[in-house]
Amino acid sequence: MTTTLFRPVSKKELDLIAQSNWTKFPPRLPEQPIFYPVTNLEYARQITVQWNVPAYGNGYVTQFEVNSDYLKKYAIENVGGPIHNELWVPAEELEEFNSHIVGVIEVVESYEK
């Protein structure tokens, strides 16, 4: 069984995902200790439109499937309103997280200024 997750990304991050044949997210930068996929499209869209597009001039919502049993090790963190649910994956665990992605990472929405 898999769980659908979403991740808002910039064009730069999207290009790195494409270089992996759409199978993994790139390593976090030193100032990014947590990788945080979100649990619903509405929240991913909100981050993309309100943060990524103003900051980068573009934003993309990705969708992907992860092995559900593996995800049990991460608590769902609510960081605001009812839709603001995300997983906090420590940066040092991202490569392992990537190995539990089932299928490919897909772009489901894109936005530009």
C-alpha atoms as a PDB file:
ATOM      1  CA  MET A   1       0.000   0.000   0.000  1.00  0.00           C
ATOM      2  CA  THR A   2       1.168   3.540  -0.742  1.00  0.00           C
ATOM      3  CA  THR A   3       0.371   7.019   0.536  1.00  0.00           C
ATOM      4  CA  THR A   4       0.091  10.007  -1.789  1.00  0.00           C
ATOM      5  CA  LEU A   5       2.186  13.007  -0.772  1.00  0.00           C
ATOM      6  CA  PHE A   6       2.831  16.394  -2.347  1.00  0.00           C
ATOM      7  CA  ARG A   7       5.844  18.670  -2.485  1.00  0.00           C
ATOM      8  CA  PRO A   8       5.960  22.273  -3.705  1.00  0.00           C
ATOM      9  CA  VAL A   9       9.223  22.955  -5.577  1.00  0.00           C
ATOM     10  CA  SER A  10      10.941  25.687  -7.579  1.00  0.00           C
ATOM     11  CA  LYS A  11      12.201  25.249 -11.158  1.00  0.00           C
ATOM     12  CA  LYS A  12      15.725  24.680  -9.839  1.00  0.00           C
ATOM     13  CA  GLU A  13      14.590  21.802  -7.606  1.00  0.00           C
ATOM     14  CA  LEU A  14      12.343  20.458 -10.360  1.00  0.00           C
ATOM     15  CA  ASP A  15      15.322  20.295 -12.727  1.00  0.00           C
ATOM     16  CA  LEU A  16      17.239  18.231 -10.149  1.00  0.00           C
ATOM     17  CA  ILE A  17      14.271  15.868  -9.785  1.00  0.00           C
ATOM     18  CA  ALA A  18      14.178  15.489 -13.582  1.00  0.00           C
ATOM     19  CA  GLN A  19      17.902  14.604 -13.563  1.00  0.00           C
ATOM     20  CA  SER A  20      17.054  11.659 -11.279  1.00  0.00           C
ATOM     21  CA  ASN A  21      14.585  10.377 -13.900  1.00  0.00           C
ATOM     22  CA  TRP A  22      11.778  11.637 -11.665  1.00  0.00           C
ATOM     23  CA  THR A  23      12.603   9.146  -8.915  1.00  0.00           C
ATOM     24  CA  LYS A  24      14.074  11.197  -6.056  1.00  0.00           C
ATOM     25  CA  PHE A  25      14.304  14.548  -4.395  1.00  0.00           C
ATOM     26  CA  PRO A  26      17.705  16.267  -4.263  1.00  0.00           C
ATOM     27  CA  PRO A  27      19.705  16.539  -1.040  1.00  0.00           C
ATOM     28  CA  ARG A  28      18.800  19.401   1.245  1.00  0.00           C
ATOM     29  CA  LEU A  29      21.003  22.483   1.454  1.00  0.00           C
ATOM     30  CA  PRO A  30      22.938  23.035   4.708  1.00  0.00           C
ATOM     31  CA  GLU A  31      20.377  25.628   5.861  1.00  0.00           C
ATOM     32  CA  GLN A  32      17.540  23.140   5.221  1.00  0.00           C
ATOM     33  CA  PRO A  33      17.662  20.521   7.996  1.00  0.00           C
ATOM     34  CA  ILE A  34      14.210  19.106   7.211  1.00  0.00           C
ATOM     35  CA  PHE A  35      12.516  17.810   4.066  1.00  0.00           C
ATOM     36  CA  TYR A  36       8.803  18.344   4.472  1.00  0.00           C
ATOM     37  CA  PRO A  37       6.383  16.751   2.037  1.00  0.00           C
ATOM     38  CA  VAL A  38       2.774  17.748   2.656  1.00  0.00           C
ATOM     39  CA  THR A  39      -0.280  15.543   2.911  1.00  0.00           C
ATOM     40  CA  ASN A  40      -2.725  17.322   0.605  1.00  0.00           C
ATOM     41  CA  LEU A  41      -2.881  19.164  -2.698  1.00  0.00           C
ATOM     42  CA  GLU A  42      -4.556  22.259  -1.256  1.00  0.00           C
ATOM     43  CA  TYR A  43      -1.669  22.953   1.134  1.00  0.00           C
ATOM     44  CA  ALA A  44       0.959  22.264  -1.558  1.00  0.00           C
ATOM     45  CA  ARG A  45      -0.834  24.687  -3.870  1.00  0.00           C
ATOM     46  CA  GLN A  46      -0.953  27.334  -1.129  1.00  0.00           C
ATOM     47  CA  ILE A  47       2.809  27.099  -0.502  1.00  0.00           C
ATOM     48  CA  THR A  48       3.522  27.243  -4.232  1.00  0.00           C
ATOM     49  CA  VAL A  49       1.343  30.278  -4.940  1.00  0.00           C
ATOM     50  CA  GLN A  50       2.063  32.260  -1.764  1.00  0.00           C
ATOM     51  CA  TRP A  51       5.773  31.493  -1.248  1.00  0.00           C
ATOM     52  CA  ASN A  52       7.508  29.872  -4.213  1.00  0.00           C
ATOM     53  CA  VAL A  53       6.111  32.054  -7.002  1.00  0.00           C
ATOM     54  CA  PRO A  54       6.892  35.349  -5.204  1.00  0.00           C
ATOM     55  CA  ALA A  55      10.357  34.085  -4.171  1.00  0.00           C
ATOM     56  CA  TYR A  56      11.432  32.357  -7.407  1.00  0.00           C
ATOM     57  CA  GLY A  57       9.036  33.568 -10.093  1.00  0.00           C
ATOM     58  CA  ASN A  58       7.733  30.021 -10.545  1.00  0.00           C
ATOM     59  CA  GLY A  59       6.452  27.076  -8.590  1.00  0.00           C
ATOM     60  CA  TYR A  60       5.455  23.507  -9.201  1.00  0.00           C
ATOM     61  CA  VAL A  61       3.345  21.085  -7.204  1.00  0.00           C
ATOM     62  CA  THR A  62       4.666  17.544  -7.337  1.00  0.00           C
ATOM     63  CA  GLN A  63       2.792  14.411  -6.344  1.00  0.00           C
ATOM     64  CA  PHE A  64       4.299  11.057  -5.481  1.00  0.00           C
ATOM     65  CA  GLU A  65       3.590   7.776  -3.746  1.00  0.00           C
ATOM     66  CA  VAL A  66       5.527   6.435  -0.765  1.00  0.00           C
ATOM     67  CA  ASN A  67       5.367   3.038   0.901  1.00  0.00           C
ATOM     68  CA  SER A  68       2.789   3.481   3.692  1.00  0.00           C
ATOM     69  CA  ASP A  69       4.502   1.149   6.167  1.00  0.00           C
ATOM     70  CA  TYR A  70       7.716   3.150   5.875  1.00  0.00           C
ATOM     71  CA  LEU A  71       5.870   6.432   6.545  1.00  0.00           C
ATOM     72  CA  LYS A  72       4.627   5.175   9.926  1.00  0.00           C
ATOM     73  CA  LYS A  73       7.964   6.278  11.411  1.00  0.00           C
ATOM     74  CA  TYR A  74       7.051   9.945  10.787  1.00  0.00           C
ATOM     75  CA  ALA A  75       4.364  11.767  12.720  1.00  0.00           C
ATOM     76  CA  ILE A  76       2.073  14.092  10.812  1.00  0.00           C
ATOM     77  CA  GLU A  77       2.883  17.606  11.987  1.00  0.00           C
ATOM     78  CA  ASN A  78       0.194  20.291  11.863  1.00  0.00           C
ATOM     79  CA  VAL A  79       1.789  23.710  11.382  1.00  0.00           C
ATOM     80  CA  GLY A  80      -1.265  25.958  11.261  1.00  0.00           C
ATOM     81  CA  GLY A  81      -4.793  25.459  10.005  1.00  0.00           C
ATOM     82  CA  PRO A  82      -6.673  22.255   9.274  1.00  0.00           C
ATOM     83  CA  ILE A  83      -4.960  21.674   5.894  1.00  0.00           C
ATOM     84  CA  HIS A  84      -1.411  22.436   7.084  1.00  0.00           C
ATOM     85  CA  ASN A  85      -0.209  18.872   7.625  1.00  0.00           C
ATOM     86  CA  GLU A  86       3.288  17.772   6.693  1.00  0.00           C
ATOM     87  CA  LEU A  87       5.905  15.168   7.486  1.00  0.00           C
ATOM     88  CA  TRP A  88       9.260  16.241   8.894  1.00  0.00           C
ATOM     89  CA  VAL A  89      11.977  14.080   7.396  1.00  0.00           C
ATOM     90  CA  PRO A  90      15.464  14.910   8.728  1.00  0.00           C
ATOM     91  CA  ALA A  91      17.780  15.861   5.859  1.00  0.00           C
ATOM     92  CA  GLU A  92      20.106  12.974   6.673  1.00  0.00           C
ATOM     93  CA  GLU A  93      17.200  10.529   6.085  1.00  0.00           C
ATOM     94  CA  LEU A  94      16.200  11.909   2.677  1.00  0.00           C
ATOM     95  CA  GLU A  95      18.120   9.319   0.650  1.00  0.00           C
ATOM     96  CA  GLU A  96      16.378   6.519   2.564  1.00  0.00           C
ATOM     97  CA  PHE A  97      13.039   8.315   2.120  1.00  0.00           C
ATOM     98  CA  ASN A  98      13.703   8.517  -1.632  1.00  0.00           C
ATOM     99  CA  SER A  99      14.263   4.757  -1.762  1.00  0.00           C
ATOM    100  CA  HIS A 100      10.675   4.257  -0.546  1.00  0.00           C
ATOM    101  CA  ILE A 101       9.097   6.341  -3.317  1.00  0.00           C
ATOM    102  CA  VAL A 102       6.969   4.058  -5.485  1.00  0.00           C
ATOM    103  CA  GLY A 103       6.850   5.022  -9.153  1.00  0.00           C
ATOM    104  CA  VAL A 104       7.773   8.499 -10.300  1.00  0.00           C
ATOM    105  CA  ILE A 105       7.425  12.038  -9.025  1.00  0.00           C
ATOM    106  CA  GLU A 106       4.869  13.870 -11.146  1.00  0.00           C
ATOM    107  CA  VAL A 107       4.168  17.572 -11.697  1.00  0.00           C
ATOM    108  CA  VAL A 108       0.450  18.081 -11.141  1.00  0.00           C
ATOM    109  CA  GLU A 109       0.322  21.914 -11.222  1.00  0.00           C
ATOM    110  CA  SER A 110       2.634  24.728 -12.310  1.00  0.00           C
ATOM    111  CA  TYR A 111       2.570  28.469 -11.704  1.00  0.00           C
ATOM    112  CA  GLU A 112       4.564  31.481 -12.891  1.00  0.00           C
ATOM    113  CA  LYS A 113       4.489  35.212 -12.179  1.00  0.00           C
END
